Amino acid sequence: MPGKTQLDLRFLVIVISLIVIATMGSAYMTFVFFSRGESSGRADAVNGQVREPFGHTYDAGTLTVNLAPGRGLSNRFIRTGIVIASQDPDTVKELEIRAPQVRDCLISVLRGRTAEEVLSQRGMTQLKQEVISVLNEILGARAISDVYFTDFVVQ
């Protein structure tokens, strides 16, 4: 009997070792497979377009604004978080200095939109472009590279 328990114990150790090695190999291969697509700060090709690195950002905070009356003439409002991106860190400092002016511009742009406009994909794209355009007028040519909506609720 001692030979059989020793054989069973040896078999158990081998099986557990193989399971541990297989698990570690699987984890390593998963890591290698999923980390291949990371850009690590390089420009990425997305749908044939070259995207610049993310850059520096300024969080304009959350805004709650009444929207322009639409077809139903009901009182609708938007609550949105806006983050402004620039490739220049000095632009972010300028945005911080001009925070009240920036928020006023954002409120003005949002108040001029109806709920129907901001809820459509095309309207959202136009809204982003208008925000970039208005902020670039304040800060100088092409200072703002992108605008991100981190929160977007229309009611």
N, C-alpha and C. Protein backbone atom coordinates (compact mmCIF):
# COMPACT_ATOMS: atom_id res chain seq x y z
N MET A 1 0.80 -1.20 0.00
CA MET A 1 0.00 0.00 0.00
C MET A 1 0.84 1.27 0.00
N PRO A 2 1.99 1.30 0.71
CA PRO A 2 2.79 2.51 0.71
C PRO A 2 3.23 2.90 -0.70
N GLY A 3 3.45 1.93 -1.57
CA GLY A 3 3.86 2.25 -2.93
C GLY A 3 2.74 2.92 -3.72
N LYS A 4 1.49 2.52 -3.47
CA LYS A 4 0.37 3.09 -4.19
C LYS A 4 0.12 4.54 -3.75
N THR A 5 0.18 4.84 -2.46
CA THR A 5 -0.01 6.22 -2.00
C THR A 5 1.12 7.11 -2.48
N GLN A 6 2.33 6.55 -2.53
CA GLN A 6 3.45 7.34 -3.02
C GLN A 6 3.25 7.63 -4.51
N LEU A 7 2.74 6.66 -5.27
CA LEU A 7 2.46 6.84 -6.68
C LEU A 7 1.34 7.85 -6.88
N ASP A 8 0.26 7.77 -6.07
CA ASP A 8 -0.84 8.72 -6.15
C ASP A 8 -0.37 10.13 -5.81
N LEU A 9 0.48 10.25 -4.81
CA LEU A 9 1.00 11.56 -4.41
C LEU A 9 1.87 12.15 -5.53
N ARG A 10 2.70 11.32 -6.13
CA ARG A 10 3.56 11.78 -7.22
C ARG A 10 2.69 12.23 -8.41
N PHE A 11 1.66 11.44 -8.74
CA PHE A 11 0.75 11.78 -9.83
C PHE A 11 0.04 13.11 -9.55
N LEU A 12 -0.41 13.31 -8.31
CA LEU A 12 -1.09 14.54 -7.91
C LEU A 12 -0.17 15.75 -8.05
N VAL A 13 1.07 15.62 -7.63
CA VAL A 13 2.04 16.71 -7.74
C VAL A 13 2.29 17.05 -9.21
N ILE A 14 2.40 16.05 -10.06
CA ILE A 14 2.63 16.29 -11.49
C ILE A 14 1.43 17.00 -12.11
N VAL A 15 0.23 16.55 -11.80
CA VAL A 15 -0.99 17.17 -12.35
C VAL A 15 -1.10 18.62 -11.90
N ILE A 16 -0.89 18.89 -10.63
CA ILE A 16 -0.97 20.26 -10.11
C ILE A 16 0.10 21.13 -10.76
N SER A 17 1.30 20.61 -10.94
CA SER A 17 2.37 21.37 -11.59
C SER A 17 2.00 21.71 -13.02
N LEU A 18 1.44 20.75 -13.75
CA LEU A 18 1.03 21.00 -15.13
C LEU A 18 -0.08 22.05 -15.20
N ILE A 19 -1.02 22.00 -14.28
CA ILE A 19 -2.10 22.98 -14.25
C ILE A 19 -1.54 24.38 -13.98
N VAL A 20 -0.62 24.50 -13.04
CA VAL A 20 -0.02 25.80 -12.73
C VAL A 20 0.75 26.33 -13.93
N ILE A 21 1.53 25.48 -14.59
CA ILE A 21 2.30 25.91 -15.76
C ILE A 21 1.37 26.32 -16.90
N ALA A 22 0.30 25.56 -17.13
CA ALA A 22 -0.66 25.90 -18.18
C ALA A 22 -1.36 27.22 -17.89
N THR A 23 -1.72 27.45 -16.64
CA THR A 23 -2.37 28.70 -16.25
C THR A 23 -1.45 29.89 -16.45
N MET A 24 -0.20 29.74 -16.04
CA MET A 24 0.76 30.84 -16.21
C MET A 24 1.03 31.11 -17.69
N GLY A 25 1.13 30.06 -18.48
CA GLY A 25 1.34 30.23 -19.92
C GLY A 25 0.15 30.91 -20.57
N SER A 26 -1.03 30.52 -20.17
CA SER A 26 -2.25 31.14 -20.71
C SER A 26 -2.32 32.62 -20.33
N ALA A 27 -2.00 32.94 -19.10
CA ALA A 27 -2.01 34.34 -18.66
C ALA A 27 -0.99 35.16 -19.44
N TYR A 28 0.19 34.60 -19.65
CA TYR A 28 1.23 35.31 -20.40
C TYR A 28 0.79 35.54 -21.85
N MET A 29 0.24 34.52 -22.50
CA MET A 29 -0.20 34.66 -23.89
C MET A 29 -1.35 35.67 -24.00
N THR A 30 -2.25 35.68 -23.04
CA THR A 30 -3.33 36.66 -23.04
C THR A 30 -2.77 38.07 -22.91
N PHE A 31 -1.82 38.26 -22.02
CA PHE A 31 -1.19 39.56 -21.85
C PHE A 31 -0.51 40.01 -23.14
N VAL A 32 0.25 39.13 -23.77
CA VAL A 32 0.96 39.47 -25.01
C VAL A 32 -0.03 39.79 -26.11
N PHE A 33 -1.07 39.00 -26.24
CA PHE A 33 -2.06 39.20 -27.30
C PHE A 33 -2.78 40.53 -27.15
N PHE A 34 -3.23 40.87 -25.95
CA PHE A 34 -4.01 42.09 -25.75
C PHE A 34 -3.17 43.34 -25.62
N SER A 35 -1.89 43.22 -25.34
CA SER A 35 -1.06 44.42 -25.22
C SER A 35 -0.44 44.82 -26.55
N ARG A 36 -0.59 44.02 -27.58
CA ARG A 36 -0.03 44.37 -28.89
C ARG A 36 -0.68 45.59 -29.49
N GLY A 37 -1.96 45.84 -29.25
CA GLY A 37 -2.67 46.94 -29.87
C GLY A 37 -2.46 48.28 -29.18
N GLU A 38 -1.78 48.32 -28.05
CA GLU A 38 -1.59 49.57 -27.34
C GLU A 38 -0.62 50.47 -28.07
N SER A 39 -0.89 51.78 -28.01
CA SER A 39 -0.07 52.72 -28.77
C SER A 39 1.08 53.28 -27.96
N SER A 40 0.95 53.32 -26.67
CA SER A 40 1.97 53.87 -25.78
C SER A 40 2.47 55.23 -26.24
N GLY A 41 1.54 56.14 -26.59
CA GLY A 41 1.91 57.51 -26.91
C GLY A 41 2.17 57.76 -28.38
N ARG A 42 2.16 56.76 -29.22
CA ARG A 42 2.40 56.95 -30.64
C ARG A 42 1.10 57.35 -31.32
N ALA A 43 1.23 57.85 -32.54
CA ALA A 43 0.05 58.14 -33.35
C ALA A 43 -0.54 56.82 -33.81
N ASP A 44 -1.86 56.69 -33.77
CA ASP A 44 -2.54 55.47 -34.17
C ASP A 44 -3.26 55.71 -35.49
N ALA A 45 -3.36 54.68 -36.27
CA ALA A 45 -4.15 54.76 -37.49
C ALA A 45 -5.52 54.19 -37.18
N VAL A 46 -6.55 55.03 -37.24
CA VAL A 46 -7.91 54.62 -36.96
C VAL A 46 -8.73 54.96 -38.19
N ASN A 47 -9.29 53.94 -38.82
CA ASN A 47 -10.08 54.12 -40.03
C ASN A 47 -9.32 54.93 -41.08
N GLY A 48 -8.04 54.69 -41.21
CA GLY A 48 -7.25 55.39 -42.21
C GLY A 48 -6.81 56.78 -41.81
N GLN A 49 -7.22 57.26 -40.65
CA GLN A 49 -6.84 58.59 -40.18
C GLN A 49 -5.77 58.46 -39.12
N VAL A 50 -4.79 59.33 -39.17
CA VAL A 50 -3.74 59.31 -38.15
C VAL A 50 -4.19 60.19 -37.00
N ARG A 51 -4.23 59.60 -35.81
CA ARG A 51 -4.65 60.33 -34.61
C ARG A 51 -3.43 60.76 -33.84
N GLU A 52 -3.44 61.99 -33.41
CA GLU A 52 -2.34 62.52 -32.60
C GLU A 52 -2.47 61.98 -31.18
N PRO A 53 -1.40 62.00 -30.41
CA PRO A 53 -1.50 61.62 -29.00
C PRO A 53 -2.52 62.51 -28.28
N PHE A 54 -3.03 62.00 -27.19
CA PHE A 54 -4.13 62.64 -26.47
C PHE A 54 -3.85 64.09 -26.10
N GLY A 55 -2.68 64.41 -25.64
CA GLY A 55 -2.34 65.80 -25.31
C GLY A 55 -2.72 66.16 -23.89
N HIS A 56 -2.83 67.46 -23.66
CA HIS A 56 -3.13 68.00 -22.33
C HIS A 56 -4.61 68.35 -22.29
N THR A 57 -5.22 68.22 -21.10
CA THR A 57 -6.66 68.46 -21.00
C THR A 57 -7.00 69.45 -19.89
N TYR A 58 -8.14 70.09 -20.09
CA TYR A 58 -8.71 71.00 -19.10
C TYR A 58 -10.14 70.54 -18.86
N ASP A 59 -10.49 70.26 -17.62
CA ASP A 59 -11.84 69.85 -17.27
C ASP A 59 -12.66 71.09 -16.98
N ALA A 60 -13.61 71.38 -17.85
CA ALA A 60 -14.47 72.56 -17.68
C ALA A 60 -15.57 72.32 -16.66
N GLY A 61 -15.67 71.12 -16.17
CA GLY A 61 -16.67 70.81 -15.15
C GLY A 61 -18.00 70.40 -15.76
N THR A 62 -18.98 70.30 -14.90
CA THR A 62 -20.33 69.92 -15.32
C THR A 62 -21.17 71.17 -15.50
N LEU A 63 -21.86 71.24 -16.61
CA LEU A 63 -22.74 72.37 -16.90
C LEU A 63 -24.18 71.88 -17.01
N THR A 64 -25.09 72.62 -16.42
CA THR A 64 -26.52 72.36 -16.58
C THR A 64 -27.12 73.60 -17.21
N VAL A 65 -27.68 73.43 -18.42
CA VAL A 65 -28.09 74.58 -19.23
C VAL A 65 -29.46 74.30 -19.83
N ASN A 66 -30.32 75.33 -19.85
CA ASN A 66 -31.59 75.23 -20.57
C ASN A 66 -31.30 75.25 -22.06
N LEU A 67 -31.97 74.36 -22.79
CA LEU A 67 -31.80 74.32 -24.24
C LEU A 67 -32.80 75.25 -24.92
N ALA A 68 -32.51 75.58 -26.16
CA ALA A 68 -33.43 76.42 -26.95
C ALA A 68 -34.73 75.64 -27.16
N PRO A 69 -35.86 76.34 -27.20
CA PRO A 69 -37.12 75.64 -27.41
C PRO A 69 -37.14 74.95 -28.78
N GLY A 70 -37.60 73.73 -28.80
CA GLY A 70 -37.69 72.98 -30.05
C GLY A 70 -39.10 73.02 -30.58
N ARG A 71 -39.49 71.98 -31.29
CA ARG A 71 -40.83 71.92 -31.88
C ARG A 71 -41.91 71.89 -30.81
N GLY A 72 -41.66 71.15 -29.73
CA GLY A 72 -42.66 71.03 -28.67
C GLY A 72 -42.70 72.23 -27.75
N LEU A 73 -41.74 73.13 -27.87
CA LEU A 73 -41.63 74.32 -27.03
C LEU A 73 -41.63 73.99 -25.54
N SER A 74 -41.19 72.80 -25.21
CA SER A 74 -41.12 72.43 -23.80
C SER A 74 -39.79 72.87 -23.21
N ASN A 75 -39.76 72.98 -21.90
CA ASN A 75 -38.52 73.37 -21.22
C ASN A 75 -37.63 72.14 -21.11
N ARG A 76 -36.59 72.10 -21.91
CA ARG A 76 -35.64 70.99 -21.88
C ARG A 76 -34.30 71.54 -21.42
N PHE A 77 -33.53 70.68 -20.78
CA PHE A 77 -32.20 71.12 -20.36
C PHE A 77 -31.19 70.01 -20.60
N ILE A 78 -29.94 70.41 -20.56
CA ILE A 78 -28.84 69.48 -20.76
C ILE A 78 -27.90 69.58 -19.57
N ARG A 79 -27.42 68.43 -19.12
CA ARG A 79 -26.35 68.39 -18.12
C ARG A 79 -25.20 67.65 -18.77
N THR A 80 -24.08 68.31 -18.87
CA THR A 80 -22.95 67.70 -19.55
C THR A 80 -21.63 68.05 -18.87
N GLY A 81 -20.72 67.12 -18.90
CA GLY A 81 -19.35 67.36 -18.46
C GLY A 81 -18.51 67.55 -19.70
N ILE A 82 -17.66 68.55 -19.71
CA ILE A 82 -16.86 68.86 -20.89
C ILE A 82 -15.39 68.89 -20.51
N VAL A 83 -14.58 68.18 -21.30
CA VAL A 83 -13.13 68.20 -21.16
C VAL A 83 -12.56 68.72 -22.48
N ILE A 84 -11.67 69.69 -22.38
CA ILE A 84 -11.09 70.34 -23.56
C ILE A 84 -9.65 69.88 -23.70
N ALA A 85 -9.27 69.45 -24.91
CA ALA A 85 -7.92 68.94 -25.15
C ALA A 85 -7.12 69.89 -26.02
N SER A 86 -5.83 69.98 -25.71
CA SER A 86 -4.90 70.80 -26.48
C SER A 86 -3.54 70.11 -26.48
N GLN A 87 -2.79 70.32 -27.53
CA GLN A 87 -1.43 69.76 -27.59
C GLN A 87 -0.44 70.63 -26.83
N ASP A 88 -0.85 71.85 -26.48
CA ASP A 88 0.04 72.81 -25.84
C ASP A 88 -0.33 72.96 -24.36
N PRO A 89 0.60 72.70 -23.44
CA PRO A 89 0.28 72.85 -22.01
C PRO A 89 -0.01 74.30 -21.63
N ASP A 90 0.53 75.27 -22.37
CA ASP A 90 0.24 76.68 -22.08
C ASP A 90 -1.22 77.01 -22.36
N THR A 91 -1.82 76.33 -23.32
CA THR A 91 -3.24 76.55 -23.61
C THR A 91 -4.09 76.12 -22.43
N VAL A 92 -3.73 75.02 -21.80
CA VAL A 92 -4.47 74.55 -20.62
C VAL A 92 -4.35 75.56 -19.49
N LYS A 93 -3.17 76.13 -19.31
CA LYS A 93 -3.00 77.17 -18.29
C LYS A 93 -3.86 78.38 -18.61
N GLU A 94 -3.93 78.74 -19.89
CA GLU A 94 -4.76 79.87 -20.31
C GLU A 94 -6.24 79.57 -20.07
N LEU A 95 -6.66 78.35 -20.31
CA LEU A 95 -8.04 77.96 -20.03
C LEU A 95 -8.36 78.07 -18.55
N GLU A 96 -7.41 77.69 -17.70
CA GLU A 96 -7.62 77.81 -16.26
C GLU A 96 -7.75 79.26 -15.84
N ILE A 97 -6.94 80.13 -16.43
CA ILE A 97 -7.01 81.56 -16.11
C ILE A 97 -8.34 82.14 -16.57
N ARG A 98 -8.80 81.72 -17.73
CA ARG A 98 -10.03 82.26 -18.32
C ARG A 98 -11.24 81.37 -18.05
N ALA A 99 -11.24 80.64 -16.98
CA ALA A 99 -12.32 79.69 -16.68
C ALA A 99 -13.72 80.30 -16.75
N PRO A 100 -13.97 81.48 -16.17
CA PRO A 100 -15.32 82.06 -16.28
C PRO A 100 -15.71 82.36 -17.73
N GLN A 101 -14.77 82.86 -18.51
CA GLN A 101 -15.04 83.17 -19.91
C GLN A 101 -15.30 81.88 -20.70
N VAL A 102 -14.54 80.85 -20.41
CA VAL A 102 -14.71 79.56 -21.09
C VAL A 102 -16.09 78.98 -20.76
N ARG A 103 -16.47 78.99 -19.49
CA ARG A 103 -17.78 78.46 -19.10
C ARG A 103 -18.91 79.27 -19.74
N ASP A 104 -18.74 80.59 -19.81
CA ASP A 104 -19.75 81.44 -20.45
C ASP A 104 -19.91 81.07 -21.92
N CYS A 105 -18.81 80.86 -22.60
CA CYS A 105 -18.87 80.47 -24.02
C CYS A 105 -19.56 79.13 -24.19
N LEU A 106 -19.22 78.19 -23.32
CA LEU A 106 -19.84 76.87 -23.40
C LEU A 106 -21.34 76.95 -23.16
N ILE A 107 -21.74 77.73 -22.17
CA ILE A 107 -23.17 77.91 -21.88
C ILE A 107 -23.87 78.55 -23.07
N SER A 108 -23.26 79.57 -23.67
CA SER A 108 -23.87 80.24 -24.82
C SER A 108 -24.06 79.29 -25.99
N VAL A 109 -23.06 78.47 -26.25
CA VAL A 109 -23.17 77.51 -27.36
C VAL A 109 -24.28 76.50 -27.07
N LEU A 110 -24.32 75.97 -25.86
CA LEU A 110 -25.33 74.97 -25.51
C LEU A 110 -26.74 75.55 -25.53
N ARG A 111 -26.91 76.80 -25.06
CA ARG A 111 -28.24 77.42 -25.03
C ARG A 111 -28.81 77.63 -26.42
N GLY A 112 -27.95 77.72 -27.41
CA GLY A 112 -28.40 77.92 -28.78
C GLY A 112 -28.84 76.65 -29.49
N ARG A 113 -28.76 75.53 -28.83
CA ARG A 113 -29.12 74.24 -29.43
C ARG A 113 -30.44 73.73 -28.89
N THR A 114 -31.17 73.00 -29.75
CA THR A 114 -32.39 72.35 -29.30
C THR A 114 -32.06 70.92 -28.88
N ALA A 115 -33.00 70.30 -28.18
CA ALA A 115 -32.79 68.92 -27.74
C ALA A 115 -32.63 67.99 -28.94
N GLU A 116 -33.40 68.23 -30.00
CA GLU A 116 -33.31 67.39 -31.20
C GLU A 116 -31.92 67.48 -31.82
N GLU A 117 -31.33 68.66 -31.80
CA GLU A 117 -30.00 68.84 -32.39
C GLU A 117 -28.93 68.10 -31.60
N VAL A 118 -28.94 68.25 -30.29
CA VAL A 118 -27.87 67.64 -29.50
C VAL A 118 -28.02 66.13 -29.35
N LEU A 119 -29.22 65.61 -29.58
CA LEU A 119 -29.42 64.17 -29.44
C LEU A 119 -29.04 63.39 -30.70
N SER A 120 -28.91 64.07 -31.83
CA SER A 120 -28.51 63.36 -33.05
C SER A 120 -26.99 63.29 -33.14
N GLN A 121 -26.50 62.28 -33.82
CA GLN A 121 -25.05 62.12 -33.98
C GLN A 121 -24.45 63.29 -34.75
N ARG A 122 -25.13 63.71 -35.79
CA ARG A 122 -24.66 64.85 -36.58
C ARG A 122 -24.65 66.12 -35.74
N GLY A 123 -25.70 66.31 -34.95
CA GLY A 123 -25.78 67.48 -34.09
C GLY A 123 -24.68 67.50 -33.04
N MET A 124 -24.35 66.32 -32.52
CA MET A 124 -23.27 66.21 -31.52
C MET A 124 -21.93 66.58 -32.15
N THR A 125 -21.69 66.11 -33.36
CA THR A 125 -20.45 66.45 -34.06
C THR A 125 -20.38 67.95 -34.34
N GLN A 126 -21.48 68.53 -34.78
CA GLN A 126 -21.52 69.97 -35.03
C GLN A 126 -21.31 70.76 -33.74
N LEU A 127 -21.88 70.27 -32.64
CA LEU A 127 -21.71 70.93 -31.35
C LEU A 127 -20.24 70.93 -30.95
N LYS A 128 -19.57 69.80 -31.10
CA LYS A 128 -18.14 69.74 -30.78
C LYS A 128 -17.35 70.73 -31.63
N GLN A 129 -17.65 70.77 -32.93
CA GLN A 129 -16.92 71.67 -33.83
C GLN A 129 -17.18 73.13 -33.47
N GLU A 130 -18.42 73.45 -33.09
CA GLU A 130 -18.72 74.83 -32.70
C GLU A 130 -18.00 75.21 -31.42
N VAL A 131 -17.96 74.31 -30.45
CA VAL A 131 -17.24 74.59 -29.20
C VAL A 131 -15.76 74.82 -29.49
N ILE A 132 -15.16 73.98 -30.33
CA ILE A 132 -13.75 74.15 -30.69
C ILE A 132 -13.54 75.49 -31.38
N SER A 133 -14.43 75.84 -32.29
CA SER A 133 -14.31 77.10 -33.03
C SER A 133 -14.42 78.31 -32.11
N VAL A 134 -15.40 78.31 -31.22
CA VAL A 134 -15.59 79.44 -30.30
C VAL A 134 -14.40 79.58 -29.35
N LEU A 135 -13.92 78.47 -28.83
CA LEU A 135 -12.78 78.54 -27.91
C LEU A 135 -11.50 78.95 -28.63
N ASN A 136 -11.33 78.52 -29.87
CA ASN A 136 -10.16 78.95 -30.64
C ASN A 136 -10.20 80.44 -30.95
N GLU A 137 -11.39 81.01 -31.09
CA GLU A 137 -11.50 82.46 -31.28
C GLU A 137 -11.00 83.21 -30.05
N ILE A 138 -11.28 82.68 -28.89
CA ILE A 138 -10.86 83.32 -27.64
C ILE A 138 -9.36 83.16 -27.43
N LEU A 139 -8.86 81.95 -27.66
CA LEU A 139 -7.48 81.61 -27.29
C LEU A 139 -6.46 81.81 -28.40
N GLY A 140 -6.90 81.92 -29.60
CA GLY A 140 -5.97 82.02 -30.72
C GLY A 140 -6.16 80.84 -31.65
N ALA A 141 -5.61 80.96 -32.81
CA ALA A 141 -5.85 79.97 -33.87
C ALA A 141 -5.37 78.58 -33.47
N ARG A 142 -6.25 77.61 -33.62
CA ARG A 142 -5.96 76.18 -33.47
C ARG A 142 -5.35 75.80 -32.13
N ALA A 143 -5.74 76.48 -31.07
CA ALA A 143 -5.24 76.15 -29.74
C ALA A 143 -5.89 74.88 -29.19
N ILE A 144 -7.17 74.68 -29.52
CA ILE A 144 -7.93 73.53 -29.02
C ILE A 144 -7.93 72.44 -30.08
N SER A 145 -7.56 71.23 -29.68
CA SER A 145 -7.52 70.13 -30.65
C SER A 145 -8.78 69.26 -30.63
N ASP A 146 -9.43 69.16 -29.46
CA ASP A 146 -10.62 68.32 -29.38
C ASP A 146 -11.43 68.66 -28.13
N VAL A 147 -12.68 68.25 -28.14
CA VAL A 147 -13.59 68.43 -27.01
C VAL A 147 -14.22 67.08 -26.72
N TYR A 148 -14.28 66.72 -25.45
CA TYR A 148 -14.86 65.45 -25.04
C TYR A 148 -16.02 65.70 -24.08
N PHE A 149 -17.13 65.02 -24.32
CA PHE A 149 -18.27 65.08 -23.41
C PHE A 149 -18.16 63.87 -22.48
N THR A 150 -17.90 64.13 -21.20
CA THR A 150 -17.73 63.04 -20.24
C THR A 150 -19.05 62.64 -19.59
N ASP A 151 -20.05 63.47 -19.73
CA ASP A 151 -21.37 63.22 -19.18
C ASP A 151 -22.33 63.92 -20.11
N PHE A 152 -23.45 63.31 -20.45
CA PHE A 152 -24.35 63.93 -21.42
C PHE A 152 -25.77 63.45 -21.17
N VAL A 153 -26.58 64.31 -20.54
CA VAL A 153 -27.96 63.96 -20.23
C VAL A 153 -28.85 65.10 -20.72
N VAL A 154 -29.86 64.76 -21.52
CA VAL A 154 -30.85 65.74 -21.98
C VAL A 154 -32.18 65.33 -21.39
N GLN A 155 -32.86 66.30 -20.79
CA GLN A 155 -34.16 66.00 -20.20
C GLN A 155 -35.13 67.10 -20.55
